[in-house]
Amino acid sequence: MAQAVELTVGERVVRVSNPDKVYFPERGITKRQVVEYYVAVAGPLLDVLRDRPTTLKRFVDGVTGEAFYQKRLPKGAPEWVETARIKFPSGRPADEVCPTEPAVLAWAANLGTFDFHPWPVRRPDTDHPDELRVDLDPQPGTDFSDAVRVASVLHEVLGELGMTGYPKTSGGRGIHVAVRIRPEWDFVDVRHAVIALAREVERRAPSLATTSWWKEERGTRVFLDYNQAARDRTIASAWSVRGTPRATVSTPVTWDTLSTVDPDDFDVFTVPKYLAEHGDPHAALDSEAFGLETLLEWYAADPRGELPYPPDYPKMPGEPPRVQPSKARKTE
């Protein structure tokens, strides 16, 4: 086992234990290389994470091991690792990591963190999201190119609403789009706004997009995962390393380049150079915040109403039965 090394990161010294431990066997990528990657992209990543309670997705045995979500500040964390208090859907509170400086990223990477999963809220008010997120999730039989086609419809709808969305690769076959919003609505309202937005995309491209929660109804379409807007549901941040054999990175792009990129080209080796050459495509994300009034009007006017929540959530007002349609038909 290799000796630990100490890296100077900003104003801190971060100890990296077992730096030569291989995290990605297919490419021989070590823990130290992951730590160094996060130091290289610390500027734009902190723009994404700062003041946000952040769940750490940890792969302590590397990409071939079991991952788990660290939702509370780990024991033994340095005193300079700050926290933010959140409430789970059950009402129980927790103090999550709240990244404020580059050393926190290096410290987390040393713990085996690949993905940073920030809540769509800021520390001063963790009950009112300031980010609307749309997760375009290709289903079996579809791929990234299909997600691009659905994203173009989403871009069209956002434009008609006067809203600016910022796309990124998920690190896999999917696409994530972020819209900065005013923190004037709670999680229920924001989720309803995402449902309304997703339904409009589905209406315009029914053969390409679906909002069906039940997998048996999705077919070979791209699922607009509205439940990623529910409390305590998060997606990997921009600039996060993903748990893929290639060590791909969820990477910000522009609408103009989205259809030309290959998500596999963005990894821990290539993204620092991409950032140096192109800058942060999401640098203007905080420049303007939008309202949800029109989307909530669309939701209220839709007779279909509420959609199912994830199974681990308490039953929510107006929610339809949590039973897949084929089973429901059998009991009728």
C-alpha atoms as a PDB file:
ATOM      1  CA  MET A   1       0.000   0.000   0.000  1.00  0.00           C
ATOM      2  CA  ALA A   2       1.425   3.351  -1.065  1.00  0.00           C
ATOM      3  CA  GLN A   3       2.257   5.988   1.472  1.00  0.00           C
ATOM      4  CA  ALA A   4      -0.279   8.749   1.963  1.00  0.00           C
ATOM      5  CA  VAL A   5       0.503  12.054   0.274  1.00  0.00           C
ATOM      6  CA  GLU A   6      -0.365  15.564   1.322  1.00  0.00           C
ATOM      7  CA  LEU A   7      -1.653  17.994  -1.286  1.00  0.00           C
ATOM      8  CA  THR A   8      -1.907  21.731  -0.807  1.00  0.00           C
ATOM      9  CA  VAL A   9      -5.351  22.749  -1.985  1.00  0.00           C
ATOM     10  CA  GLY A  10      -6.116  26.415  -1.606  1.00  0.00           C
ATOM     11  CA  GLU A  11      -5.401  27.310   2.001  1.00  0.00           C
ATOM     12  CA  ARG A  12      -5.583  23.714   3.237  1.00  0.00           C
ATOM     13  CA  VAL A  13      -3.425  20.625   3.272  1.00  0.00           C
ATOM     14  CA  VAL A  14      -5.462  17.562   2.286  1.00  0.00           C
ATOM     15  CA  ARG A  15      -4.186  14.091   3.091  1.00  0.00           C
ATOM     16  CA  VAL A  16      -4.750  11.508   0.363  1.00  0.00           C
ATOM     17  CA  SER A  17      -4.515   7.989   1.705  1.00  0.00           C
ATOM     18  CA  ASN A  18      -3.428   5.148  -0.556  1.00  0.00           C
ATOM     19  CA  PRO A  19      -3.130   7.497  -3.567  1.00  0.00           C
ATOM     20  CA  ASP A  20      -2.224   4.696  -6.005  1.00  0.00           C
ATOM     21  CA  LYS A  21      -5.402   2.720  -5.292  1.00  0.00           C
ATOM     22  CA  VAL A  22      -6.983   1.984  -8.666  1.00  0.00           C
ATOM     23  CA  TYR A  23     -10.497   3.388  -8.857  1.00  0.00           C
ATOM     24  CA  PHE A  24     -11.160   2.641 -12.544  1.00  0.00           C
ATOM     25  CA  PRO A  25      -9.421  -0.635 -13.503  1.00  0.00           C
ATOM     26  CA  GLU A  26     -10.350  -0.492 -17.191  1.00  0.00           C
ATOM     27  CA  ARG A  27      -8.246   2.654 -17.592  1.00  0.00           C
ATOM     28  CA  GLY A  28      -5.925   2.374 -14.599  1.00  0.00           C
ATOM     29  CA  ILE A  29      -7.183   5.613 -13.069  1.00  0.00           C
ATOM     30  CA  THR A  30      -6.104   6.032  -9.452  1.00  0.00           C
ATOM     31  CA  LYS A  31      -7.557   7.782  -6.435  1.00  0.00           C
ATOM     32  CA  ARG A  32      -4.901  10.487  -6.715  1.00  0.00           C
ATOM     33  CA  GLN A  33      -5.884  11.190 -10.323  1.00  0.00           C
ATOM     34  CA  VAL A  34      -9.527  11.608  -9.293  1.00  0.00           C
ATOM     35  CA  VAL A  35      -8.491  13.990  -6.505  1.00  0.00           C
ATOM     36  CA  GLU A  36      -6.323  15.955  -8.922  1.00  0.00           C
ATOM     37  CA  TYR A  37      -9.190  16.108 -11.411  1.00  0.00           C
ATOM     38  CA  TYR A  38     -11.441  17.703  -8.806  1.00  0.00           C
ATOM     39  CA  VAL A  39      -8.774  20.238  -7.908  1.00  0.00           C
ATOM     40  CA  ALA A  40      -8.486  21.113 -11.623  1.00  0.00           C
ATOM     41  CA  VAL A  41     -12.226  21.818 -12.005  1.00  0.00           C
ATOM     42  CA  ALA A  42     -12.769  23.270  -8.535  1.00  0.00           C
ATOM     43  CA  GLY A  43     -13.690  26.751  -9.814  1.00  0.00           C
ATOM     44  CA  PRO A  44     -16.779  25.928 -11.894  1.00  0.00           C
ATOM     45  CA  LEU A  45     -17.727  22.985  -9.669  1.00  0.00           C
ATOM     46  CA  LEU A  46     -17.868  25.232  -6.614  1.00  0.00           C
ATOM     47  CA  ASP A  47     -20.059  27.624  -8.603  1.00  0.00           C
ATOM     48  CA  VAL A  48     -22.485  24.683  -8.852  1.00  0.00           C
ATOM     49  CA  LEU A  49     -22.152  23.412  -5.268  1.00  0.00           C
ATOM     50  CA  ARG A  50     -21.493  26.456  -3.113  1.00  0.00           C
ATOM     51  CA  ASP A  51     -24.075  26.946  -0.342  1.00  0.00           C
ATOM     52  CA  ARG A  52     -25.919  23.796  -1.424  1.00  0.00           C
ATOM     53  CA  PRO A  53     -26.437  20.775   0.824  1.00  0.00           C
ATOM     54  CA  THR A  54     -24.693  18.018  -1.108  1.00  0.00           C
ATOM     55  CA  THR A  55     -25.012  14.258  -0.979  1.00  0.00           C
ATOM     56  CA  LEU A  56     -21.785  12.402  -1.697  1.00  0.00           C
ATOM     57  CA  LYS A  57     -21.983   9.290  -3.850  1.00  0.00           C
ATOM     58  CA  ARG A  58     -19.078   7.231  -2.585  1.00  0.00           C
ATOM     59  CA  PHE A  59     -17.310   4.310  -4.270  1.00  0.00           C
ATOM     60  CA  VAL A  60     -14.855   3.339  -1.533  1.00  0.00           C
ATOM     61  CA  ASP A  61     -13.748   0.235  -3.469  1.00  0.00           C
ATOM     62  CA  GLY A  62     -13.640   1.959  -6.823  1.00  0.00           C
ATOM     63  CA  VAL A  63     -16.059   1.726  -9.712  1.00  0.00           C
ATOM     64  CA  THR A  64     -16.319  -2.067  -9.511  1.00  0.00           C
ATOM     65  CA  GLY A  65     -17.465  -1.971  -5.879  1.00  0.00           C
ATOM     66  CA  GLU A  66     -20.762  -1.058  -4.279  1.00  0.00           C
ATOM     67  CA  ALA A  67     -21.607   2.632  -4.101  1.00  0.00           C
ATOM     68  CA  PHE A  68     -23.614   4.360  -1.389  1.00  0.00           C
ATOM     69  CA  TYR A  69     -25.024   7.827  -0.798  1.00  0.00           C
ATOM     70  CA  GLN A  70     -23.522   9.735   2.138  1.00  0.00           C
ATOM     71  CA  LYS A  71     -26.376  11.957   3.275  1.00  0.00           C
ATOM     72  CA  ARG A  72     -24.862  13.122   6.550  1.00  0.00           C
ATOM     73  CA  LEU A  73     -21.516  14.683   7.395  1.00  0.00           C
ATOM     74  CA  PRO A  74     -19.087  11.768   7.779  1.00  0.00           C
ATOM     75  CA  LYS A  75     -17.520  11.236  11.191  1.00  0.00           C
ATOM     76  CA  GLY A  76     -14.014  12.629  11.478  1.00  0.00           C
ATOM     77  CA  ALA A  77     -14.558  15.334   8.866  1.00  0.00           C
ATOM     78  CA  PRO A  78     -12.181  18.320   9.207  1.00  0.00           C
ATOM     79  CA  GLU A  79     -13.595  21.319  11.063  1.00  0.00           C
ATOM     80  CA  TRP A  80     -13.437  23.375   7.866  1.00  0.00           C
ATOM     81  CA  VAL A  81     -15.996  21.133   6.108  1.00  0.00           C
ATOM     82  CA  GLU A  82     -19.221  23.083   6.519  1.00  0.00           C
ATOM     83  CA  THR A  83     -22.768  21.735   6.549  1.00  0.00           C
ATOM     84  CA  ALA A  84     -26.333  22.679   5.693  1.00  0.00           C
ATOM     85  CA  ARG A  85     -29.410  21.301   7.440  1.00  0.00           C
ATOM     86  CA  ILE A  86     -32.074  19.636   5.321  1.00  0.00           C
ATOM     87  CA  LYS A  87     -35.261  17.717   5.999  1.00  0.00           C
ATOM     88  CA  PHE A  88     -36.023  14.381   4.394  1.00  0.00           C
ATOM     89  CA  PRO A  89     -39.554  13.594   3.126  1.00  0.00           C
ATOM     90  CA  SER A  90     -40.133  11.816   6.448  1.00  0.00           C
ATOM     91  CA  GLY A  91     -39.507  15.084   8.268  1.00  0.00           C
ATOM     92  CA  ARG A  92     -36.258  13.879   9.845  1.00  0.00           C
ATOM     93  CA  PRO A  93     -33.422  16.406   9.669  1.00  0.00           C
ATOM     94  CA  ALA A  94     -29.806  15.875   8.637  1.00  0.00           C
ATOM     95  CA  ASP A  95     -26.670  17.964   8.317  1.00  0.00           C
ATOM     96  CA  GLU A  96     -25.216  17.441   4.855  1.00  0.00           C
ATOM     97  CA  VAL A  97     -21.864  18.518   3.501  1.00  0.00           C
ATOM     98  CA  CYS A  98     -22.002  22.049   2.083  1.00  0.00           C
ATOM     99  CA  PRO A  99     -18.925  22.641  -0.113  1.00  0.00           C
ATOM    100  CA  THR A 100     -17.411  26.099   0.231  1.00  0.00           C
ATOM    101  CA  GLU A 101     -13.795  25.722  -0.921  1.00  0.00           C
ATOM    102  CA  PRO A 102     -11.644  23.517  -3.188  1.00  0.00           C
ATOM    103  CA  ALA A 103     -10.192  21.499  -0.312  1.00  0.00           C
ATOM    104  CA  VAL A 104     -13.644  20.083   0.455  1.00  0.00           C
ATOM    105  CA  LEU A 105     -13.765  18.561  -3.017  1.00  0.00           C
ATOM    106  CA  ALA A 106     -10.339  16.958  -2.590  1.00  0.00           C
ATOM    107  CA  TRP A 107     -11.254  15.700   0.897  1.00  0.00           C
ATOM    108  CA  ALA A 108     -14.475  14.151  -0.460  1.00  0.00           C
ATOM    109  CA  ALA A 109     -12.639  12.533  -3.384  1.00  0.00           C
ATOM    110  CA  ASN A 110     -10.226  10.965  -0.910  1.00  0.00           C
ATOM    111  CA  LEU A 111     -13.261   9.319   0.718  1.00  0.00           C
ATOM    112  CA  GLY A 112     -14.131   7.706  -2.608  1.00  0.00           C
ATOM    113  CA  THR A 113     -16.625  10.328  -3.753  1.00  0.00           C
ATOM    114  CA  PHE A 114     -17.153  10.244  -7.504  1.00  0.00           C
ATOM    115  CA  ASP A 115     -20.414  12.189  -7.878  1.00  0.00           C
ATOM    116  CA  PHE A 116     -21.496  15.285  -5.995  1.00  0.00           C
ATOM    117  CA  HIS A 117     -25.301  15.428  -5.739  1.00  0.00           C
ATOM    118  CA  PRO A 118     -26.367  18.933  -4.691  1.00  0.00           C
ATOM    119  CA  TRP A 119     -29.870  19.779  -3.582  1.00  0.00           C
ATOM    120  CA  PRO A 120     -31.595  22.458  -5.727  1.00  0.00           C
ATOM    121  CA  VAL A 121     -31.613  24.806  -2.712  1.00  0.00           C
ATOM    122  CA  ARG A 122     -29.226  27.165  -0.932  1.00  0.00           C
ATOM    123  CA  ARG A 123     -28.232  26.961   2.712  1.00  0.00           C
ATOM    124  CA  PRO A 124     -30.239  30.024   3.900  1.00  0.00           C
ATOM    125  CA  ASP A 125     -33.521  28.445   2.720  1.00  0.00           C
ATOM    126  CA  THR A 126     -33.519  24.711   2.158  1.00  0.00           C
ATOM    127  CA  ASP A 127     -37.290  24.417   1.643  1.00  0.00           C
ATOM    128  CA  HIS A 128     -37.542  26.554  -1.518  1.00  0.00           C
ATOM    129  CA  PRO A 129     -35.611  25.393  -4.597  1.00  0.00           C
ATOM    130  CA  ASP A 130     -33.837  27.924  -6.785  1.00  0.00           C
ATOM    131  CA  GLU A 131     -33.230  25.458  -9.610  1.00  0.00           C
ATOM    132  CA  LEU A 132     -35.643  23.620 -11.873  1.00  0.00           C
ATOM    133  CA  ARG A 133     -34.005  20.453 -13.184  1.00  0.00           C
ATOM    134  CA  VAL A 134     -35.133  18.279 -16.062  1.00  0.00           C
ATOM    135  CA  ASP A 135     -33.645  14.786 -16.313  1.00  0.00           C
ATOM    136  CA  LEU A 136     -33.933  13.216 -19.771  1.00  0.00           C
ATOM    137  CA  ASP A 137     -33.430   9.494 -19.223  1.00  0.00           C
ATOM    138  CA  PRO A 138     -33.195   7.267 -22.326  1.00  0.00           C
ATOM    139  CA  GLN A 139     -35.026   3.960 -21.897  1.00  0.00           C
ATOM    140  CA  PRO A 140     -33.904   0.593 -23.314  1.00  0.00           C
ATOM    141  CA  GLY A 141     -33.797   0.844 -27.072  1.00  0.00           C
ATOM    142  CA  THR A 142     -32.925   4.537 -27.032  1.00  0.00           C
ATOM    143  CA  ASP A 143     -29.641   6.381 -26.638  1.00  0.00           C
ATOM    144  CA  PHE A 144     -28.010   9.786 -26.323  1.00  0.00           C
ATOM    145  CA  SER A 145     -29.093  10.868 -29.804  1.00  0.00           C
ATOM    146  CA  ASP A 146     -32.719  10.292 -28.824  1.00  0.00           C
ATOM    147  CA  ALA A 147     -32.204  12.357 -25.678  1.00  0.00           C
ATOM    148  CA  VAL A 148     -30.783  15.137 -27.867  1.00  0.00           C
ATOM    149  CA  ARG A 149     -33.932  15.125 -29.996  1.00  0.00           C
ATOM    150  CA  VAL A 150     -36.142  15.412 -26.920  1.00  0.00           C
ATOM    151  CA  ALA A 151     -33.876  18.095 -25.468  1.00  0.00           C
ATOM    152  CA  SER A 152     -34.370  20.178 -28.606  1.00  0.00           C
ATOM    153  CA  VAL A 153     -38.142  20.110 -28.013  1.00  0.00           C
ATOM    154  CA  LEU A 154     -37.565  21.067 -24.373  1.00  0.00           C
ATOM    155  CA  HIS A 155     -35.356  23.942 -25.526  1.00  0.00           C
ATOM    156  CA  GLU A 156     -38.161  25.123 -27.802  1.00  0.00           C
ATOM    157  CA  VAL A 157     -40.721  25.071 -24.978  1.00  0.00           C
ATOM    158  CA  LEU A 158     -38.399  26.888 -22.593  1.00  0.00           C
ATOM    159  CA  GLY A 159     -37.780  29.538 -25.229  1.00  0.00           C
ATOM    160  CA  GLU A 160     -41.501  30.128 -25.656  1.00  0.00           C
ATOM    161  CA  LEU A 161     -41.775  30.494 -21.875  1.00  0.00           C
ATOM    162  CA  GLY A 162     -38.978  33.057 -21.888  1.00  0.00           C
ATOM    163  CA  MET A 163     -36.797  30.773 -19.751  1.00  0.00           C
ATOM    164  CA  THR A 164     -33.133  29.938 -20.271  1.00  0.00           C
ATOM    165  CA  GLY A 165     -32.051  26.338 -19.761  1.00  0.00           C
ATOM    166  CA  TYR A 166     -28.492  25.058 -19.506  1.00  0.00           C
ATOM    167  CA  PRO A 167     -27.826  21.516 -20.818  1.00  0.00           C
ATOM    168  CA  LYS A 168     -25.163  19.034 -19.758  1.00  0.00           C
ATOM    169  CA  THR A 169     -24.353  15.434 -20.447  1.00  0.00           C
ATOM    170  CA  SER A 170     -25.280  13.117 -17.595  1.00  0.00           C
ATOM    171  CA  GLY A 171     -22.077  11.143 -17.977  1.00  0.00           C
ATOM    172  CA  GLY A 172     -24.097   8.330 -19.496  1.00  0.00           C
ATOM    173  CA  ARG A 173     -26.721   8.357 -22.246  1.00  0.00           C
ATOM    174  CA  GLY A 174     -28.893  11.041 -20.674  1.00  0.00           C
ATOM    175  CA  ILE A 175     -29.078  14.816 -20.569  1.00  0.00           C
ATOM    176  CA  HIS A 176     -29.767  17.176 -17.678  1.00  0.00           C
ATOM    177  CA  VAL A 177     -31.101  20.700 -18.118  1.00  0.00           C
ATOM    178  CA  ALA A 178     -31.004  23.325 -15.349  1.00  0.00           C
ATOM    179  CA  VAL A 179     -33.091  26.507 -15.152  1.00  0.00           C
ATOM    180  CA  ARG A 180     -32.443  29.069 -12.442  1.00  0.00           C
ATOM    181  CA  ILE A 181     -35.712  30.031 -10.720  1.00  0.00           C
ATOM    182  CA  ARG A 182     -36.678  32.427  -7.977  1.00  0.00           C
ATOM    183  CA  PRO A 183     -36.853  30.590  -4.612  1.00  0.00           C
ATOM    184  CA  GLU A 184     -40.515  31.450  -4.126  1.00  0.00           C
ATOM    185  CA  TRP A 185     -42.052  27.990  -4.465  1.00  0.00           C
ATOM    186  CA  ASP A 186     -41.766  24.825  -2.380  1.00  0.00           C
ATOM    187  CA  PHE A 187     -40.725  21.374  -3.580  1.00  0.00           C
ATOM    188  CA  VAL A 188     -44.303  20.350  -4.391  1.00  0.00           C
ATOM    189  CA  ASP A 189     -44.852  23.368  -6.626  1.00  0.00           C
ATOM    190  CA  VAL A 190     -41.500  22.982  -8.374  1.00  0.00           C
ATOM    191  CA  ARG A 191     -42.206  19.310  -9.053  1.00  0.00           C
ATOM    192  CA  HIS A 192     -45.607  20.269 -10.472  1.00  0.00           C
ATOM    193  CA  ALA A 193     -43.898  22.811 -12.729  1.00  0.00           C
ATOM    194  CA  VAL A 194     -41.535  20.108 -14.000  1.00  0.00           C
ATOM    195  CA  ILE A 195     -44.514  17.809 -14.624  1.00  0.00           C
ATOM    196  CA  ALA A 196     -46.234  20.530 -16.658  1.00  0.00           C
ATOM    197  CA  LEU A 197     -43.076  21.200 -18.645  1.00  0.00           C
ATOM    198  CA  ALA A 198     -42.496  17.488 -19.274  1.00  0.00           C
ATOM    199  CA  ARG A 199     -46.098  16.956 -20.349  1.00  0.00           C
ATOM    200  CA  GLU A 200     -45.808  19.746 -22.901  1.00  0.00           C
ATOM    201  CA  VAL A 201     -42.652  18.164 -24.327  1.00  0.00           C
ATOM    202  CA  GLU A 202     -44.467  14.811 -24.425  1.00  0.00           C
ATOM    203  CA  ARG A 203     -47.451  16.415 -26.163  1.00  0.00           C
ATOM    204  CA  ARG A 204     -45.227  17.828 -28.887  1.00  0.00           C
ATOM    205  CA  ALA A 205     -43.147  14.677 -29.343  1.00  0.00           C
ATOM    206  CA  PRO A 206     -45.293  11.714 -28.204  1.00  0.00           C
ATOM    207  CA  SER A 207     -43.254   9.168 -30.130  1.00  0.00           C
ATOM    208  CA  LEU A 208     -39.999  10.383 -28.580  1.00  0.00           C
ATOM    209  CA  ALA A 209     -40.801  11.433 -25.001  1.00  0.00           C
ATOM    210  CA  THR A 210     -42.804  10.039 -22.098  1.00  0.00           C
ATOM    211  CA  THR A 211     -43.779  11.046 -18.577  1.00  0.00           C
ATOM    212  CA  SER A 212     -44.996   7.533 -17.683  1.00  0.00           C
ATOM    213  CA  TRP A 213     -43.745   6.595 -14.229  1.00  0.00           C
ATOM    214  CA  TRP A 214     -44.354   2.910 -14.889  1.00  0.00           C
ATOM    215  CA  LYS A 215     -41.623   1.314 -16.983  1.00  0.00           C
ATOM    216  CA  GLU A 216     -44.096  -1.000 -18.701  1.00  0.00           C
ATOM    217  CA  GLU A 217     -45.703   2.059 -20.325  1.00  0.00           C
ATOM    218  CA  ARG A 218     -42.582   3.927 -21.443  1.00  0.00           C
ATOM    219  CA  GLY A 219     -41.697   1.914 -24.515  1.00  0.00           C
ATOM    220  CA  THR A 220     -38.644   2.977 -26.500  1.00  0.00           C
ATOM    221  CA  ARG A 221     -38.902   6.615 -25.530  1.00  0.00           C
ATOM    222  CA  VAL A 222     -36.951   9.065 -23.404  1.00  0.00           C
ATOM    223  CA  PHE A 223     -38.384   9.359 -19.900  1.00  0.00           C
ATOM    224  CA  LEU A 224     -38.671  12.880 -18.490  1.00  0.00           C
ATOM    225  CA  ASP A 225     -38.039  12.009 -14.847  1.00  0.00           C
ATOM    226  CA  TYR A 226     -40.173  14.573 -13.038  1.00  0.00           C
ATOM    227  CA  ASN A 227     -39.548  12.881  -9.683  1.00  0.00           C
ATOM    228  CA  GLN A 228     -35.981  14.162  -9.694  1.00  0.00           C
ATOM    229  CA  ALA A 229     -37.660  17.395  -8.594  1.00  0.00           C
ATOM    230  CA  ALA A 230     -39.039  15.774  -5.424  1.00  0.00           C
ATOM    231  CA  ARG A 231     -37.492  16.582  -2.050  1.00  0.00           C
ATOM    232  CA  ASP A 232     -34.264  14.646  -1.411  1.00  0.00           C
ATOM    233  CA  ARG A 233     -34.009  13.508  -5.031  1.00  0.00           C
ATOM    234  CA  THR A 234     -30.823  14.780  -6.653  1.00  0.00           C
ATOM    235  CA  ILE A 235     -28.839  14.350  -9.840  1.00  0.00           C
ATOM    236  CA  ALA A 236     -25.090  14.333 -10.300  1.00  0.00           C
ATOM    237  CA  SER A 237     -23.754  17.858 -10.603  1.00  0.00           C
ATOM    238  CA  ALA A 238     -22.003  19.346 -13.563  1.00  0.00           C
ATOM    239  CA  TRP A 239     -18.303  18.389 -13.526  1.00  0.00           C
ATOM    240  CA  SER A 240     -19.002  15.229 -11.463  1.00  0.00           C
ATOM    241  CA  VAL A 241     -17.161  12.015 -12.238  1.00  0.00           C
ATOM    242  CA  ARG A 242     -19.625   9.202 -12.871  1.00  0.00           C
ATOM    243  CA  GLY A 243     -19.368   5.569 -11.868  1.00  0.00           C
ATOM    244  CA  THR A 244     -18.744   4.306 -15.397  1.00  0.00           C
ATOM    245  CA  PRO A 245     -15.798   2.152 -16.535  1.00  0.00           C
ATOM    246  CA  ARG A 246     -14.416   5.117 -18.538  1.00  0.00           C
ATOM    247  CA  ALA A 247     -14.637   7.604 -15.636  1.00  0.00           C
ATOM    248  CA  THR A 248     -16.893   9.832 -17.706  1.00  0.00           C
ATOM    249  CA  VAL A 249     -17.835  13.283 -16.442  1.00  0.00           C
ATOM    250  CA  SER A 250     -21.206  15.041 -16.458  1.00  0.00           C
ATOM    251  CA  THR A 251     -20.175  17.972 -18.592  1.00  0.00           C
ATOM    252  CA  PRO A 252     -21.815  21.336 -19.381  1.00  0.00           C
ATOM    253  CA  VAL A 253     -22.330  22.048 -23.068  1.00  0.00           C
ATOM    254  CA  THR A 254     -24.201  24.647 -25.099  1.00  0.00           C
ATOM    255  CA  TRP A 255     -27.398  24.103 -27.053  1.00  0.00           C
ATOM    256  CA  ASP A 256     -25.428  24.637 -30.242  1.00  0.00           C
ATOM    257  CA  THR A 257     -22.951  21.856 -29.467  1.00  0.00           C
ATOM    258  CA  LEU A 258     -25.278  19.373 -27.748  1.00  0.00           C
ATOM    259  CA  SER A 259     -26.034  17.471 -30.951  1.00  0.00           C
ATOM    260  CA  THR A 260     -22.362  17.240 -31.926  1.00  0.00           C
ATOM    261  CA  VAL A 261     -20.793  15.844 -28.753  1.00  0.00           C
ATOM    262  CA  ASP A 262     -20.178  12.249 -27.697  1.00  0.00           C
ATOM    263  CA  PRO A 263     -20.680  11.951 -23.927  1.00  0.00           C
ATOM    264  CA  ASP A 264     -17.960   9.280 -23.764  1.00  0.00           C
ATOM    265  CA  ASP A 265     -15.412  11.880 -24.874  1.00  0.00           C
ATOM    266  CA  PHE A 266     -15.777  13.727 -21.569  1.00  0.00           C
ATOM    267  CA  ASP A 267     -13.729  12.040 -18.842  1.00  0.00           C
ATOM    268  CA  VAL A 268     -11.281  12.818 -16.047  1.00  0.00           C
ATOM    269  CA  PHE A 269      -8.446  13.216 -18.565  1.00  0.00           C
ATOM    270  CA  THR A 270     -10.179  15.347 -21.196  1.00  0.00           C
ATOM    271  CA  VAL A 271     -12.478  17.634 -19.214  1.00  0.00           C
ATOM    272  CA  PRO A 272      -9.800  19.855 -17.608  1.00  0.00           C
ATOM    273  CA  LYS A 273      -8.486  20.631 -21.105  1.00  0.00           C
ATOM    274  CA  TYR A 274     -12.055  21.180 -22.367  1.00  0.00           C
ATOM    275  CA  LEU A 275     -12.629  23.638 -19.526  1.00  0.00           C
ATOM    276  CA  ALA A 276      -9.379  25.463 -20.238  1.00  0.00           C
ATOM    277  CA  GLU A 277     -10.195  25.774 -23.934  1.00  0.00           C
ATOM    278  CA  HIS A 278     -13.926  26.555 -23.783  1.00  0.00           C
ATOM    279  CA  GLY A 279     -14.510  28.005 -20.332  1.00  0.00           C
ATOM    280  CA  ASP A 280     -17.629  27.133 -18.362  1.00  0.00           C
ATOM    281  CA  PRO A 281     -20.652  26.895 -20.700  1.00  0.00           C
ATOM    282  CA  HIS A 282     -22.897  27.404 -17.656  1.00  0.00           C
ATOM    283  CA  ALA A 283     -21.121  30.514 -16.346  1.00  0.00           C
ATOM    284  CA  ALA A 284     -24.258  32.639 -16.885  1.00  0.00           C
ATOM    285  CA  LEU A 285     -26.623  30.265 -15.085  1.00  0.00           C
ATOM    286  CA  ASP A 286     -26.938  32.572 -12.075  1.00  0.00           C
ATOM    287  CA  SER A 287     -27.359  35.721 -14.157  1.00  0.00           C
ATOM    288  CA  GLU A 288     -31.167  35.558 -14.347  1.00  0.00           C
ATOM    289  CA  ALA A 289     -33.843  33.754 -12.321  1.00  0.00           C
ATOM    290  CA  PHE A 290     -37.259  32.923 -13.714  1.00  0.00           C
ATOM    291  CA  GLY A 291     -40.765  32.423 -12.352  1.00  0.00           C
ATOM    292  CA  LEU A 292     -42.992  29.359 -12.490  1.00  0.00           C
ATOM    293  CA  GLU A 293     -46.343  31.090 -12.845  1.00  0.00           C
ATOM    294  CA  THR A 294     -47.115  29.896 -16.377  1.00  0.00           C
ATOM    295  CA  LEU A 295     -46.018  26.325 -15.748  1.00  0.00           C
ATOM    296  CA  LEU A 296     -48.145  26.136 -12.600  1.00  0.00           C
ATOM    297  CA  GLU A 297     -51.114  27.470 -14.565  1.00  0.00           C
ATOM    298  CA  TRP A 298     -50.552  24.675 -17.082  1.00  0.00           C
ATOM    299  CA  TYR A 299     -50.439  22.118 -14.272  1.00  0.00           C
ATOM    300  CA  ALA A 300     -53.600  23.437 -12.623  1.00  0.00           C
ATOM    301  CA  ALA A 301     -55.489  23.374 -15.931  1.00  0.00           C
ATOM    302  CA  ASP A 302     -54.509  19.768 -16.721  1.00  0.00           C
ATOM    303  CA  PRO A 303     -57.283  17.352 -15.664  1.00  0.00           C
ATOM    304  CA  ARG A 304     -54.760  14.521 -15.296  1.00  0.00           C
ATOM    305  CA  GLY A 305     -53.513  16.140 -12.104  1.00  0.00           C
ATOM    306  CA  GLU A 306     -50.893  14.504  -9.910  1.00  0.00           C
ATOM    307  CA  LEU A 307     -48.433  11.761 -10.889  1.00  0.00           C
ATOM    308  CA  PRO A 308     -46.981   9.033  -8.625  1.00  0.00           C
ATOM    309  CA  TYR A 309     -44.163   9.799  -6.215  1.00  0.00           C
ATOM    310  CA  PRO A 310     -41.280   7.355  -5.642  1.00  0.00           C
ATOM    311  CA  PRO A 311     -42.264   4.364  -3.481  1.00  0.00           C
ATOM    312  CA  ASP A 312     -40.210   5.448  -0.469  1.00  0.00           C
ATOM    313  CA  TYR A 313     -42.159   8.713  -0.082  1.00  0.00           C
ATOM    314  CA  PRO A 314     -45.129   9.259   2.209  1.00  0.00           C
ATOM    315  CA  LYS A 315     -48.455   9.272   0.404  1.00  0.00           C
ATOM    316  CA  MET A 316     -48.949  12.750  -1.060  1.00  0.00           C
ATOM    317  CA  PRO A 317     -52.187  14.722  -1.551  1.00  0.00           C
ATOM    318  CA  GLY A 318     -53.978  13.918  -4.812  1.00  0.00           C
ATOM    319  CA  GLU A 319     -51.529  11.186  -5.729  1.00  0.00           C
ATOM    320  CA  PRO A 320     -52.875   8.284  -7.815  1.00  0.00           C
ATOM    321  CA  PRO A 321     -52.496   4.700  -6.548  1.00  0.00           C
ATOM    322  CA  ARG A 322     -48.941   3.407  -6.470  1.00  0.00           C
ATOM    323  CA  VAL A 323     -49.625   0.235  -8.366  1.00  0.00           C
ATOM    324  CA  GLN A 324     -48.441  -0.459 -11.872  1.00  0.00           C
ATOM    325  CA  PRO A 325     -51.284  -0.408 -14.395  1.00  0.00           C
ATOM    326  CA  SER A 326     -51.033  -4.082 -15.413  1.00  0.00           C
ATOM    327  CA  LYS A 327     -51.430  -5.193 -11.792  1.00  0.00           C
ATOM    328  CA  ALA A 328     -54.252  -2.734 -11.215  1.00  0.00           C
ATOM    329  CA  ARG A 329     -56.176  -4.193 -14.156  1.00  0.00           C
ATOM    330  CA  LYS A 330     -55.826  -7.703 -12.757  1.00  0.00           C
ATOM    331  CA  THR A 331     -57.467  -6.700  -9.471  1.00  0.00           C
ATOM    332  CA  GLU A 332     -60.436  -4.947 -11.100  1.00  0.00           C
END
